[in-house]
Amino acid sequence: MTITIYHNPRCSKSRATLEIIQSKGITPNIVEYLHTPPDPDTLEKIARLIGVPLGELLRRNEDDFVAAGDDVPLDDETALARWLHDHPRVLERPIVVDDDNDRAIVGRPPNNVNAIL
């Protein structure tokens, strides 16, 4: 099983989700998305795999989102993916992708990850 976690080590939910994955004997690909943001195509794919519009993966209380105000292109998935790539702090976390079976989930709460492990 090939698992990728879009991870923020400063986030307790992200750390707990990573621990659950590792407790199953899985060594995931860890992408610290604040340092290496997913490209726009990957962001659109993640939203498709989760089964939600990309706008549902935004942390709307995050300072970057609030500061951007009306500049966030919420009505255009492609433009939103580019914007989110440039503002990765706004991305919900953690996101776990089962690369072998084209499934993904948001690890909030962390136990959500069990659905794809």
PDB file of N, CA and C in Angstrom:
ATOM      1  N   MET A   1       0.844  -1.173   0.000  1.00  0.00           N
ATOM      2  CA  MET A   1       0.000   0.000   0.000  1.00  0.00           C
ATOM      3  C   MET A   1       0.889   1.235   0.000  1.00  0.00           C
ATOM      4  N   THR A   2       0.617   2.147  -0.935  1.00  0.00           N
ATOM      5  CA  THR A   2       1.369   3.389  -1.025  1.00  0.00           C
ATOM      6  C   THR A   2       0.485   4.530  -0.530  1.00  0.00           C
ATOM      7  N   ILE A   3       0.878   5.120   0.570  1.00  0.00           N
ATOM      8  CA  ILE A   3       0.116   6.187   1.210  1.00  0.00           C
ATOM      9  C   ILE A   3       0.954   7.464   1.198  1.00  0.00           C
ATOM     10  N   THR A   4       0.301   8.567   0.878  1.00  0.00           N
ATOM     11  CA  THR A   4       0.922   9.881   0.972  1.00  0.00           C
ATOM     12  C   THR A   4       0.122  10.700   1.960  1.00  0.00           C
ATOM     13  N   ILE A   5       0.822  11.359   2.871  1.00  0.00           N
ATOM     14  CA  ILE A   5       0.158  12.261   3.807  1.00  0.00           C
ATOM     15  C   ILE A   5       0.688  13.669   3.576  1.00  0.00           C
ATOM     16  N   TYR A   6      -0.241  14.592   3.367  1.00  0.00           N
ATOM     17  CA  TYR A   6       0.094  16.008   3.284  1.00  0.00           C
ATOM     18  C   TYR A   6       0.026  16.500   4.716  1.00  0.00           C
ATOM     19  N   HIS A   7       1.193  16.747   5.273  1.00  0.00           N
ATOM     20  CA  HIS A   7       1.413  16.799   6.712  1.00  0.00           C
ATOM     21  C   HIS A   7       1.963  18.142   7.155  1.00  0.00           C
ATOM     22  N   ASN A   8       1.490  18.561   8.328  1.00  0.00           N
ATOM     23  CA  ASN A   8       2.066  19.709   9.014  1.00  0.00           C
ATOM     24  C   ASN A   8       2.493  19.212  10.394  1.00  0.00           C
ATOM     25  N   PRO A   9       3.781  19.058  10.634  1.00  0.00           N
ATOM     26  CA  PRO A   9       4.242  18.490  11.900  1.00  0.00           C
ATOM     27  C   PRO A   9       3.882  19.331  13.125  1.00  0.00           C
ATOM     28  N   ARG A  10       3.478  20.573  12.939  1.00  0.00           N
ATOM     29  CA  ARG A  10       3.085  21.417  14.073  1.00  0.00           C
ATOM     30  C   ARG A  10       1.621  21.215  14.453  1.00  0.00           C
ATOM     31  N   CYS A  11       0.880  20.463  13.647  1.00  0.00           N
ATOM     32  CA  CYS A  11      -0.549  20.253  13.873  1.00  0.00           C
ATOM     33  C   CYS A  11      -0.773  18.935  14.611  1.00  0.00           C
ATOM     34  N   SER A  12      -1.460  18.989  15.738  1.00  0.00           N
ATOM     35  CA  SER A  12      -1.679  17.773  16.530  1.00  0.00           C
ATOM     36  C   SER A  12      -2.525  16.746  15.774  1.00  0.00           C
ATOM     37  N   LYS A  13      -3.494  17.185  14.996  1.00  0.00           N
ATOM     38  CA  LYS A  13      -4.325  16.247  14.220  1.00  0.00           C
ATOM     39  C   LYS A  13      -3.485  15.567  13.144  1.00  0.00           C
ATOM     40  N   SER A  14      -2.603  16.312  12.537  1.00  0.00           N
ATOM     41  CA  SER A  14      -1.732  15.755  11.510  1.00  0.00           C
ATOM     42  C   SER A  14      -0.771  14.737  12.125  1.00  0.00           C
ATOM     43  N   ARG A  15      -0.198  15.075  13.264  1.00  0.00           N
ATOM     44  CA  ARG A  15       0.710  14.134  13.944  1.00  0.00           C
ATOM     45  C   ARG A  15      -0.030  12.869  14.358  1.00  0.00           C
ATOM     46  N   ALA A  16      -1.250  13.012  14.881  1.00  0.00           N
ATOM     47  CA  ALA A  16      -2.027  11.846  15.310  1.00  0.00           C
ATOM     48  C   ALA A  16      -2.391  10.965  14.113  1.00  0.00           C
ATOM     49  N   THR A  17      -2.724  11.576  12.990  1.00  0.00           N
ATOM     50  CA  THR A  17      -3.049  10.816  11.786  1.00  0.00           C
ATOM     51  C   THR A  17      -1.822  10.048  11.303  1.00  0.00           C
ATOM     52  N   LEU A  18      -0.669  10.693  11.307  1.00  0.00           N
ATOM     53  CA  LEU A  18       0.567  10.030  10.915  1.00  0.00           C
ATOM     54  C   LEU A  18       0.858   8.850  11.838  1.00  0.00           C
ATOM     55  N   GLU A  19       0.635   9.011  13.120  1.00  0.00           N
ATOM     56  CA  GLU A  19       0.864   7.920  14.078  1.00  0.00           C
ATOM     57  C   GLU A  19      -0.043   6.726  13.779  1.00  0.00           C
ATOM     58  N   ILE A  20      -1.296   6.979  13.441  1.00  0.00           N
ATOM     59  CA  ILE A  20      -2.213   5.888  13.103  1.00  0.00           C
ATOM     60  C   ILE A  20      -1.705   5.127  11.887  1.00  0.00           C
ATOM     61  N   ILE A  21      -1.282   5.851  10.876  1.00  0.00           N
ATOM     62  CA  ILE A  21      -0.762   5.214   9.654  1.00  0.00           C
ATOM     63  C   ILE A  21       0.442   4.350   9.999  1.00  0.00           C
ATOM     64  N   GLN A  22       1.376   4.912  10.739  1.00  0.00           N
ATOM     65  CA  GLN A  22       2.590   4.180  11.089  1.00  0.00           C
ATOM     66  C   GLN A  22       2.292   2.995  12.003  1.00  0.00           C
ATOM     67  N   SER A  23       1.271   3.103  12.848  1.00  0.00           N
ATOM     68  CA  SER A  23       0.925   1.993  13.741  1.00  0.00           C
ATOM     69  C   SER A  23       0.409   0.783  12.967  1.00  0.00           C
ATOM     70  N   LYS A  24      -0.012   1.000  11.740  1.00  0.00           N
ATOM     71  CA  LYS A  24      -0.475  -0.097  10.876  1.00  0.00           C
ATOM     72  C   LYS A  24       0.693  -0.715  10.093  1.00  0.00           C
ATOM     73  N   GLY A  25       1.912  -0.285  10.403  1.00  0.00           N
ATOM     74  CA  GLY A  25       3.088  -0.820   9.721  1.00  0.00           C
ATOM     75  C   GLY A  25       3.338  -0.194   8.358  1.00  0.00           C
ATOM     76  N   ILE A  26       2.705   0.931   8.092  1.00  0.00           N
ATOM     77  CA  ILE A  26       2.846   1.613   6.806  1.00  0.00           C
ATOM     78  C   ILE A  26       3.825   2.771   6.972  1.00  0.00           C
ATOM     79  N   THR A  27       4.758   2.853   6.048  1.00  0.00           N
ATOM     80  CA  THR A  27       5.669   3.986   5.999  1.00  0.00           C
ATOM     81  C   THR A  27       5.197   4.889   4.869  1.00  0.00           C
ATOM     82  N   PRO A  28       4.499   5.973   5.203  1.00  0.00           N
ATOM     83  CA  PRO A  28       3.927   6.816   4.152  1.00  0.00           C
ATOM     84  C   PRO A  28       4.955   7.754   3.533  1.00  0.00           C
ATOM     85  N   ASN A  29       4.608   8.233   2.351  1.00  0.00           N
ATOM     86  CA  ASN A  29       5.333   9.352   1.772  1.00  0.00           C
ATOM     87  C   ASN A  29       4.824  10.579   2.515  1.00  0.00           C
ATOM     88  N   ILE A  30       5.718  11.307   3.144  1.00  0.00           N
ATOM     89  CA  ILE A  30       5.319  12.478   3.924  1.00  0.00           C
ATOM     90  C   ILE A  30       5.660  13.729   3.124  1.00  0.00           C
ATOM     91  N   VAL A  31       4.632  14.506   2.826  1.00  0.00           N
ATOM     92  CA  VAL A  31       4.821  15.763   2.122  1.00  0.00           C
ATOM     93  C   VAL A  31       4.478  16.882   3.104  1.00  0.00           C
ATOM     94  N   GLU A  32       5.498  17.605   3.521  1.00  0.00           N
ATOM     95  CA  GLU A  32       5.257  18.767   4.375  1.00  0.00           C
ATOM     96  C   GLU A  32       4.809  19.885   3.444  1.00  0.00           C
ATOM     97  N   TYR A  33       3.494  19.981   3.289  1.00  0.00           N
ATOM     98  CA  TYR A  33       2.905  20.803   2.240  1.00  0.00           C
ATOM     99  C   TYR A  33       3.170  22.300   2.402  1.00  0.00           C
ATOM    100  N   LEU A  34       3.547  22.742   3.594  1.00  0.00           N
ATOM    101  CA  LEU A  34       3.891  24.155   3.739  1.00  0.00           C
ATOM    102  C   LEU A  34       5.225  24.468   3.077  1.00  0.00           C
ATOM    103  N   HIS A  35       6.111  23.477   3.010  1.00  0.00           N
ATOM    104  CA  HIS A  35       7.418  23.641   2.361  1.00  0.00           C
ATOM    105  C   HIS A  35       7.374  23.203   0.902  1.00  0.00           C
ATOM    106  N   THR A  36       6.542  22.206   0.612  1.00  0.00           N
ATOM    107  CA  THR A  36       6.425  21.666  -0.749  1.00  0.00           C
ATOM    108  C   THR A  36       4.933  21.561  -1.084  1.00  0.00           C
ATOM    109  N   PRO A  37       4.318  22.680  -1.454  1.00  0.00           N
ATOM    110  CA  PRO A  37       2.883  22.646  -1.732  1.00  0.00           C
ATOM    111  C   PRO A  37       2.579  21.777  -2.964  1.00  0.00           C
ATOM    112  N   PRO A  38       1.469  21.048  -2.910  1.00  0.00           N
ATOM    113  CA  PRO A  38       1.084  20.275  -4.088  1.00  0.00           C
ATOM    114  C   PRO A  38       0.799  21.219  -5.257  1.00  0.00           C
ATOM    115  N   ASP A  39       1.133  20.757  -6.462  1.00  0.00           N
ATOM    116  CA  ASP A  39       0.867  21.584  -7.634  1.00  0.00           C
ATOM    117  C   ASP A  39      -0.650  21.648  -7.877  1.00  0.00           C
ATOM    118  N   PRO A  40      -1.105  22.603  -8.677  1.00  0.00           N
ATOM    119  CA  PRO A  40      -2.543  22.760  -8.902  1.00  0.00           C
ATOM    120  C   PRO A  40      -3.244  21.499  -9.415  1.00  0.00           C
ATOM    121  N   ASP A  41      -2.619  20.757 -10.314  1.00  0.00           N
ATOM    122  CA  ASP A  41      -3.241  19.531 -10.816  1.00  0.00           C
ATOM    123  C   ASP A  41      -3.433  18.520  -9.692  1.00  0.00           C
ATOM    124  N   THR A  42      -2.449  18.407  -8.811  1.00  0.00           N
ATOM    125  CA  THR A  42      -2.554  17.482  -7.677  1.00  0.00           C
ATOM    126  C   THR A  42      -3.657  17.919  -6.736  1.00  0.00           C
ATOM    127  N   LEU A  43      -3.784  19.214  -6.491  1.00  0.00           N
ATOM    128  CA  LEU A  43      -4.844  19.709  -5.617  1.00  0.00           C
ATOM    129  C   LEU A  43      -6.223  19.376  -6.186  1.00  0.00           C
ATOM    130  N   GLU A  44      -6.389  19.557  -7.488  1.00  0.00           N
ATOM    131  CA  GLU A  44      -7.672  19.219  -8.112  1.00  0.00           C
ATOM    132  C   GLU A  44      -7.937  17.720  -8.029  1.00  0.00           C
ATOM    133  N   LYS A  45      -6.897  16.915  -8.216  1.00  0.00           N
ATOM    134  CA  LYS A  45      -7.055  15.461  -8.127  1.00  0.00           C
ATOM    135  C   LYS A  45      -7.444  15.051  -6.707  1.00  0.00           C
ATOM    136  N   ILE A  46      -6.803  15.625  -5.705  1.00  0.00           N
ATOM    137  CA  ILE A  46      -7.117  15.297  -4.312  1.00  0.00           C
ATOM    138  C   ILE A  46      -8.592  15.585  -4.029  1.00  0.00           C
ATOM    139  N   ALA A  47      -9.069  16.738  -4.464  1.00  0.00           N
ATOM    140  CA  ALA A  47     -10.477  17.080  -4.236  1.00  0.00           C
ATOM    141  C   ALA A  47     -11.390  16.058  -4.914  1.00  0.00           C
ATOM    142  N   ARG A  48     -11.051  15.659  -6.135  1.00  0.00           N
ATOM    143  CA  ARG A  48     -11.853  14.637  -6.847  1.00  0.00           C
ATOM    144  C   ARG A  48     -11.851  13.325  -6.083  1.00  0.00           C
ATOM    145  N   LEU A  49     -10.676  12.908  -5.579  1.00  0.00           N
ATOM    146  CA  LEU A  49     -10.585  11.643  -4.855  1.00  0.00           C
ATOM    147  C   LEU A  49     -11.392  11.679  -3.558  1.00  0.00           C
ATOM    148  N   ILE A  50     -11.400  12.812  -2.897  1.00  0.00           N
ATOM    149  CA  ILE A  50     -12.193  12.951  -1.672  1.00  0.00           C
ATOM    150  C   ILE A  50     -13.681  13.053  -2.021  1.00  0.00           C
ATOM    151  N   GLY A  51     -13.954  13.596  -3.209  1.00  0.00           N
ATOM    152  CA  GLY A  51     -15.338  13.713  -3.650  1.00  0.00           C
ATOM    153  C   GLY A  51     -16.002  15.018  -3.240  1.00  0.00           C
ATOM    154  N   VAL A  52     -15.179  16.064  -3.157  1.00  0.00           N
ATOM    155  CA  VAL A  52     -15.701  17.378  -2.784  1.00  0.00           C
ATOM    156  C   VAL A  52     -15.126  18.433  -3.718  1.00  0.00           C
ATOM    157  N   PRO A  53     -15.817  19.569  -3.834  1.00  0.00           N
ATOM    158  CA  PRO A  53     -15.206  20.687  -4.551  1.00  0.00           C
ATOM    159  C   PRO A  53     -13.978  21.163  -3.780  1.00  0.00           C
ATOM    160  N   LEU A  54     -13.011  21.676  -4.472  1.00  0.00           N
ATOM    161  CA  LEU A  54     -11.774  22.136  -3.844  1.00  0.00           C
ATOM    162  C   LEU A  54     -12.049  23.170  -2.750  1.00  0.00           C
ATOM    163  N   GLY A  55     -13.070  23.956  -2.925  1.00  0.00           N
ATOM    164  CA  GLY A  55     -13.421  24.966  -1.935  1.00  0.00           C
ATOM    165  C   GLY A  55     -13.748  24.392  -0.567  1.00  0.00           C
ATOM    166  N   GLU A  56     -14.117  23.111  -0.510  1.00  0.00           N
ATOM    167  CA  GLU A  56     -14.406  22.484   0.783  1.00  0.00           C
ATOM    168  C   GLU A  56     -13.139  22.059   1.520  1.00  0.00           C
ATOM    169  N   LEU A  57     -11.988  22.189   0.879  1.00  0.00           N
ATOM    170  CA  LEU A  57     -10.719  21.829   1.518  1.00  0.00           C
ATOM    171  C   LEU A  57      -9.964  23.063   2.007  1.00  0.00           C
ATOM    172  N   LEU A  58     -10.684  24.165   2.155  1.00  0.00           N
ATOM    173  CA  LEU A  58     -10.071  25.407   2.603  1.00  0.00           C
ATOM    174  C   LEU A  58     -10.317  25.626   4.089  1.00  0.00           C
ATOM    175  N   ARG A  59      -9.295  26.094   4.750  1.00  0.00           N
ATOM    176  CA  ARG A  59      -9.416  26.512   6.152  1.00  0.00           C
ATOM    177  C   ARG A  59      -9.778  28.003   6.114  1.00  0.00           C
ATOM    178  N   ARG A  60     -11.065  28.270   6.165  1.00  0.00           N
ATOM    179  CA  ARG A  60     -11.572  29.626   5.938  1.00  0.00           C
ATOM    180  C   ARG A  60     -11.272  30.599   7.080  1.00  0.00           C
ATOM    181  N   ASN A  61     -10.847  30.093   8.220  1.00  0.00           N
ATOM    182  CA  ASN A  61     -10.455  30.975   9.330  1.00  0.00           C
ATOM    183  C   ASN A  61      -8.969  31.303   9.305  1.00  0.00           C
ATOM    184  N   GLU A  62      -8.242  30.668   8.402  1.00  0.00           N
ATOM    185  CA  GLU A  62      -6.793  30.901   8.282  1.00  0.00           C
ATOM    186  C   GLU A  62      -6.545  32.353   7.850  1.00  0.00           C
ATOM    187  N   ASP A  63      -5.524  32.969   8.430  1.00  0.00           N
ATOM    188  CA  ASP A  63      -5.233  34.376   8.147  1.00  0.00           C
ATOM    189  C   ASP A  63      -5.075  34.662   6.651  1.00  0.00           C
ATOM    190  N   ASP A  64      -4.399  33.780   5.911  1.00  0.00           N
ATOM    191  CA  ASP A  64      -4.191  33.998   4.473  1.00  0.00           C
ATOM    192  C   ASP A  64      -5.521  34.057   3.725  1.00  0.00           C
ATOM    193  N   PHE A  65      -6.473  33.226   4.124  1.00  0.00           N
ATOM    194  CA  PHE A  65      -7.787  33.230   3.473  1.00  0.00           C
ATOM    195  C   PHE A  65      -8.541  34.510   3.813  1.00  0.00           C
ATOM    196  N   VAL A  66      -8.562  34.860   5.085  1.00  0.00           N
ATOM    197  CA  VAL A  66      -9.283  36.056   5.530  1.00  0.00           C
ATOM    198  C   VAL A  66      -8.692  37.296   4.872  1.00  0.00           C
ATOM    199  N   ALA A  67      -7.358  37.388   4.830  1.00  0.00           N
ATOM    200  CA  ALA A  67      -6.698  38.554   4.245  1.00  0.00           C
ATOM    201  C   ALA A  67      -6.974  38.678   2.747  1.00  0.00           C
ATOM    202  N   ALA A  68      -7.130  37.553   2.072  1.00  0.00           N
ATOM    203  CA  ALA A  68      -7.358  37.587   0.624  1.00  0.00           C
ATOM    204  C   ALA A  68      -8.763  38.076   0.280  1.00  0.00           C
ATOM    205  N   GLY A  69      -9.701  37.859   1.174  1.00  0.00           N
ATOM    206  CA  GLY A  69     -11.060  38.345   0.956  1.00  0.00           C
ATOM    207  C   GLY A  69     -11.640  37.903  -0.376  1.00  0.00           C
ATOM    208  N   ASP A  70     -12.105  38.859  -1.142  1.00  0.00           N
ATOM    209  CA  ASP A  70     -12.748  38.573  -2.426  1.00  0.00           C
ATOM    210  C   ASP A  70     -11.770  38.140  -3.514  1.00  0.00           C
ATOM    211  N   ASP A  71     -10.477  38.153  -3.238  1.00  0.00           N
ATOM    212  CA  ASP A  71      -9.493  37.728  -4.237  1.00  0.00           C
ATOM    213  C   ASP A  71      -9.386  36.215  -4.364  1.00  0.00           C
ATOM    214  N   VAL A  72     -10.024  35.470  -3.466  1.00  0.00           N
ATOM    215  CA  VAL A  72     -10.001  34.009  -3.550  1.00  0.00           C
ATOM    216  C   VAL A  72     -11.009  33.589  -4.630  1.00  0.00           C
ATOM    217  N   PRO A  73     -10.529  32.914  -5.689  1.00  0.00           N
ATOM    218  CA  PRO A  73     -11.402  32.557  -6.812  1.00  0.00           C
ATOM    219  C   PRO A  73     -12.258  31.317  -6.531  1.00  0.00           C
ATOM    220  N   LEU A  74     -13.233  31.454  -5.649  1.00  0.00           N
ATOM    221  CA  LEU A  74     -14.023  30.311  -5.202  1.00  0.00           C
ATOM    222  C   LEU A  74     -14.896  29.705  -6.301  1.00  0.00           C
ATOM    223  N   ASP A  75     -15.180  30.447  -7.351  1.00  0.00           N
ATOM    224  CA  ASP A  75     -16.073  29.958  -8.400  1.00  0.00           C
ATOM    225  C   ASP A  75     -15.345  29.343  -9.592  1.00  0.00           C
ATOM    226  N   ASP A  76     -14.035  29.146  -9.473  1.00  0.00           N
ATOM    227  CA  ASP A  76     -13.239  28.598 -10.577  1.00  0.00           C
ATOM    228  C   ASP A  76     -12.225  27.608  -9.987  1.00  0.00           C
ATOM    229  N   GLU A  77     -12.500  26.314 -10.159  1.00  0.00           N
ATOM    230  CA  GLU A  77     -11.647  25.266  -9.561  1.00  0.00           C
ATOM    231  C   GLU A  77     -10.186  25.384  -9.992  1.00  0.00           C
ATOM    232  N   THR A  78      -9.947  25.645 -11.258  1.00  0.00           N
ATOM    233  CA  THR A  78      -8.571  25.724 -11.762  1.00  0.00           C
ATOM    234  C   THR A  78      -7.846  26.915 -11.149  1.00  0.00           C
ATOM    235  N   ALA A  79      -8.504  28.061 -11.129  1.00  0.00           N
ATOM    236  CA  ALA A  79      -7.896  29.249 -10.528  1.00  0.00           C
ATOM    237  C   ALA A  79      -7.728  29.062  -9.025  1.00  0.00           C
ATOM    238  N   LEU A  80      -8.696  28.415  -8.383  1.00  0.00           N
ATOM    239  CA  LEU A  80      -8.592  28.161  -6.952  1.00  0.00           C
ATOM    240  C   LEU A  80      -7.424  27.229  -6.649  1.00  0.00           C
ATOM    241  N   ALA A  81      -7.202  26.232  -7.486  1.00  0.00           N
ATOM    242  CA  ALA A  81      -6.063  25.321  -7.293  1.00  0.00           C
ATOM    243  C   ALA A  81      -4.746  26.083  -7.389  1.00  0.00           C
ATOM    244  N   ARG A  82      -4.648  27.000  -8.332  1.00  0.00           N
ATOM    245  CA  ARG A  82      -3.426  27.814  -8.445  1.00  0.00           C
ATOM    246  C   ARG A  82      -3.259  28.706  -7.210  1.00  0.00           C
ATOM    247  N   TRP A  83      -4.368  29.315  -6.768  1.00  0.00           N
ATOM    248  CA  TRP A  83      -4.312  30.186  -5.594  1.00  0.00           C
ATOM    249  C   TRP A  83      -3.901  29.380  -4.354  1.00  0.00           C
ATOM    250  N   LEU A  84      -4.491  28.202  -4.201  1.00  0.00           N
ATOM    251  CA  LEU A  84      -4.189  27.368  -3.041  1.00  0.00           C
ATOM    252  C   LEU A  84      -2.740  26.888  -3.058  1.00  0.00           C
ATOM    253  N   HIS A  85      -2.207  26.605  -4.236  1.00  0.00           N
ATOM    254  CA  HIS A  85      -0.788  26.244  -4.352  1.00  0.00           C
ATOM    255  C   HIS A  85       0.093  27.379  -3.815  1.00  0.00           C
ATOM    256  N   ASP A  86      -0.328  28.608  -4.082  1.00  0.00           N
ATOM    257  CA  ASP A  86       0.440  29.774  -3.634  1.00  0.00           C
ATOM    258  C   ASP A  86       0.169  30.144  -2.175  1.00  0.00           C
ATOM    259  N   HIS A  87      -0.887  29.575  -1.584  1.00  0.00           N
ATOM    260  CA  HIS A  87      -1.274  29.867  -0.199  1.00  0.00           C
ATOM    261  C   HIS A  87      -1.543  28.549   0.536  1.00  0.00           C
ATOM    262  N   PRO A  88      -0.533  27.698   0.681  1.00  0.00           N
ATOM    263  CA  PRO A  88      -0.761  26.353   1.209  1.00  0.00           C
ATOM    264  C   PRO A  88      -1.260  26.316   2.661  1.00  0.00           C
ATOM    265  N   ARG A  89      -1.068  27.378   3.418  1.00  0.00           N
ATOM    266  CA  ARG A  89      -1.558  27.387   4.804  1.00  0.00           C
ATOM    267  C   ARG A  89      -3.076  27.221   4.870  1.00  0.00           C
ATOM    268  N   VAL A  90      -3.739  27.571   3.789  1.00  0.00           N
ATOM    269  CA  VAL A  90      -5.209  27.522   3.758  1.00  0.00           C
ATOM    270  C   VAL A  90      -5.714  26.093   3.536  1.00  0.00           C
ATOM    271  N   LEU A  91      -4.859  25.205   3.055  1.00  0.00           N
ATOM    272  CA  LEU A  91      -5.266  23.825   2.780  1.00  0.00           C
ATOM    273  C   LEU A  91      -5.599  23.090   4.073  1.00  0.00           C
ATOM    274  N   GLU A  92      -6.737  22.409   4.068  1.00  0.00           N
ATOM    275  CA  GLU A  92      -7.126  21.578   5.204  1.00  0.00           C
ATOM    276  C   GLU A  92      -6.042  20.532   5.453  1.00  0.00           C
ATOM    277  N   ARG A  93      -5.899  20.128   6.704  1.00  0.00           N
ATOM    278  CA  ARG A  93      -4.862  19.163   7.034  1.00  0.00           C
ATOM    279  C   ARG A  93      -5.343  18.199   8.089  1.00  0.00           C
ATOM    280  N   PRO A  94      -4.723  17.060   8.118  1.00  0.00           N
ATOM    281  CA  PRO A  94      -3.891  16.453   7.077  1.00  0.00           C
ATOM    282  C   PRO A  94      -4.778  15.824   6.005  1.00  0.00           C
ATOM    283  N   ILE A  95      -4.209  15.654   4.847  1.00  0.00           N
ATOM    284  CA  ILE A  95      -4.881  14.915   3.780  1.00  0.00           C
ATOM    285  C   ILE A  95      -4.062  13.667   3.533  1.00  0.00           C
ATOM    286  N   VAL A  96      -4.753  12.532   3.479  1.00  0.00           N
ATOM    287  CA  VAL A  96      -4.091  11.247   3.259  1.00  0.00           C
ATOM    288  C   VAL A  96      -4.617  10.669   1.951  1.00  0.00           C
ATOM    289  N   VAL A  97      -3.683  10.246   1.101  1.00  0.00           N
ATOM    290  CA  VAL A  97      -4.037   9.689  -0.202  1.00  0.00           C
ATOM    291  C   VAL A  97      -3.532   8.253  -0.292  1.00  0.00           C
ATOM    292  N   ASP A  98      -4.439   7.356  -0.661  1.00  0.00           N
ATOM    293  CA  ASP A  98      -4.092   5.966  -0.977  1.00  0.00           C
ATOM    294  C   ASP A  98      -3.794   5.965  -2.470  1.00  0.00           C
ATOM    295  N   ASP A  99      -2.513   6.051  -2.825  1.00  0.00           N
ATOM    296  CA  ASP A  99      -2.095   6.194  -4.211  1.00  0.00           C
ATOM    297  C   ASP A  99      -2.412   4.965  -5.055  1.00  0.00           C
ATOM    298  N   ASP A 100      -2.462   3.794  -4.438  1.00  0.00           N
ATOM    299  CA  ASP A 100      -2.721   2.558  -5.183  1.00  0.00           C
ATOM    300  C   ASP A 100      -4.186   2.421  -5.585  1.00  0.00           C
ATOM    301  N   ASN A 101      -5.077   2.937  -4.754  1.00  0.00           N
ATOM    302  CA  ASN A 101      -6.512   2.733  -4.988  1.00  0.00           C
ATOM    303  C   ASN A 101      -7.267   4.022  -5.291  1.00  0.00           C
ATOM    304  N   ASP A 102      -6.519   5.106  -5.555  1.00  0.00           N
ATOM    305  CA  ASP A 102      -7.139   6.389  -5.892  1.00  0.00           C
ATOM    306  C   ASP A 102      -8.245   6.783  -4.918  1.00  0.00           C
ATOM    307  N   ARG A 103      -7.866   6.846  -3.641  1.00  0.00           N
ATOM    308  CA  ARG A 103      -8.779   7.299  -2.595  1.00  0.00           C
ATOM    309  C   ARG A 103      -8.049   8.321  -1.741  1.00  0.00           C
ATOM    310  N   ALA A 104      -8.803   9.208  -1.143  1.00  0.00           N
ATOM    311  CA  ALA A 104      -8.196  10.204  -0.257  1.00  0.00           C
ATOM    312  C   ALA A 104      -9.205  10.575   0.816  1.00  0.00           C
ATOM    313  N   ILE A 105      -8.677  11.123   1.898  1.00  0.00           N
ATOM    314  CA  ILE A 105      -9.508  11.488   3.031  1.00  0.00           C
ATOM    315  C   ILE A 105      -8.821  12.600   3.818  1.00  0.00           C
ATOM    316  N   VAL A 106      -9.619  13.408   4.477  1.00  0.00           N
ATOM    317  CA  VAL A 106      -9.077  14.407   5.403  1.00  0.00           C
ATOM    318  C   VAL A 106      -9.011  13.752   6.778  1.00  0.00           C
ATOM    319  N   GLY A 107      -7.872  13.844   7.429  1.00  0.00           N
ATOM    320  CA  GLY A 107      -7.668  13.221   8.727  1.00  0.00           C
ATOM    321  C   GLY A 107      -8.165  14.074   9.877  1.00  0.00           C
ATOM    322  N   ARG A 108      -9.366  14.529   9.811  1.00  0.00           N
ATOM    323  CA  ARG A 108     -10.029  15.279  10.884  1.00  0.00           C
ATOM    324  C   ARG A 108     -11.393  14.680  11.081  1.00  0.00           C
ATOM    325  N   PRO A 109     -11.607  13.950  12.117  1.00  0.00           N
ATOM    326  CA  PRO A 109     -10.646  13.572  13.144  1.00  0.00           C
ATOM    327  C   PRO A 109      -9.655  12.543  12.606  1.00  0.00           C
ATOM    328  N   PRO A 110      -8.547  12.350  13.299  1.00  0.00           N
ATOM    329  CA  PRO A 110      -7.511  11.433  12.818  1.00  0.00           C
ATOM    330  C   PRO A 110      -8.008  10.044  12.492  1.00  0.00           C
ATOM    331  N   ASN A 111      -8.979   9.533  13.227  1.00  0.00           N
ATOM    332  CA  ASN A 111      -9.485   8.180  12.966  1.00  0.00           C
ATOM    333  C   ASN A 111     -10.136   8.035  11.603  1.00  0.00           C
ATOM    334  N   ASN A 112     -10.445   9.140  10.928  1.00  0.00           N
ATOM    335  CA  ASN A 112     -10.983   9.063   9.564  1.00  0.00           C
ATOM    336  C   ASN A 112     -10.063   8.258   8.655  1.00  0.00           C
ATOM    337  N   VAL A 113      -8.772   8.311   8.946  1.00  0.00           N
ATOM    338  CA  VAL A 113      -7.798   7.655   8.075  1.00  0.00           C
ATOM    339  C   VAL A 113      -8.008   6.134   8.018  1.00  0.00           C
ATOM    340  N   ASN A 114      -8.609   5.574   9.037  1.00  0.00           N
ATOM    341  CA  ASN A 114      -8.839   4.121   9.050  1.00  0.00           C
ATOM    342  C   ASN A 114      -9.720   3.662   7.882  1.00  0.00           C
ATOM    343  N   ALA A 115     -10.522   4.552   7.351  1.00  0.00           N
ATOM    344  CA  ALA A 115     -11.414   4.196   6.242  1.00  0.00           C
ATOM    345  C   ALA A 115     -10.652   3.822   4.980  1.00  0.00           C
ATOM    346  N   ILE A 116      -9.413   4.289   4.858  1.00  0.00           N
ATOM    347  CA  ILE A 116      -8.658   3.941   3.644  1.00  0.00           C
ATOM    348  C   ILE A 116      -7.445   3.074   3.916  1.00  0.00           C
ATOM    349  N   LEU A 117      -7.212   2.739   5.170  1.00  0.00           N
ATOM    350  CA  LEU A 117      -6.054   1.872   5.478  1.00  0.00           C
ATOM    351  C   LEU A 117      -6.436   0.406   5.409  1.00  0.00           C
TER     352      LEU A 117
END
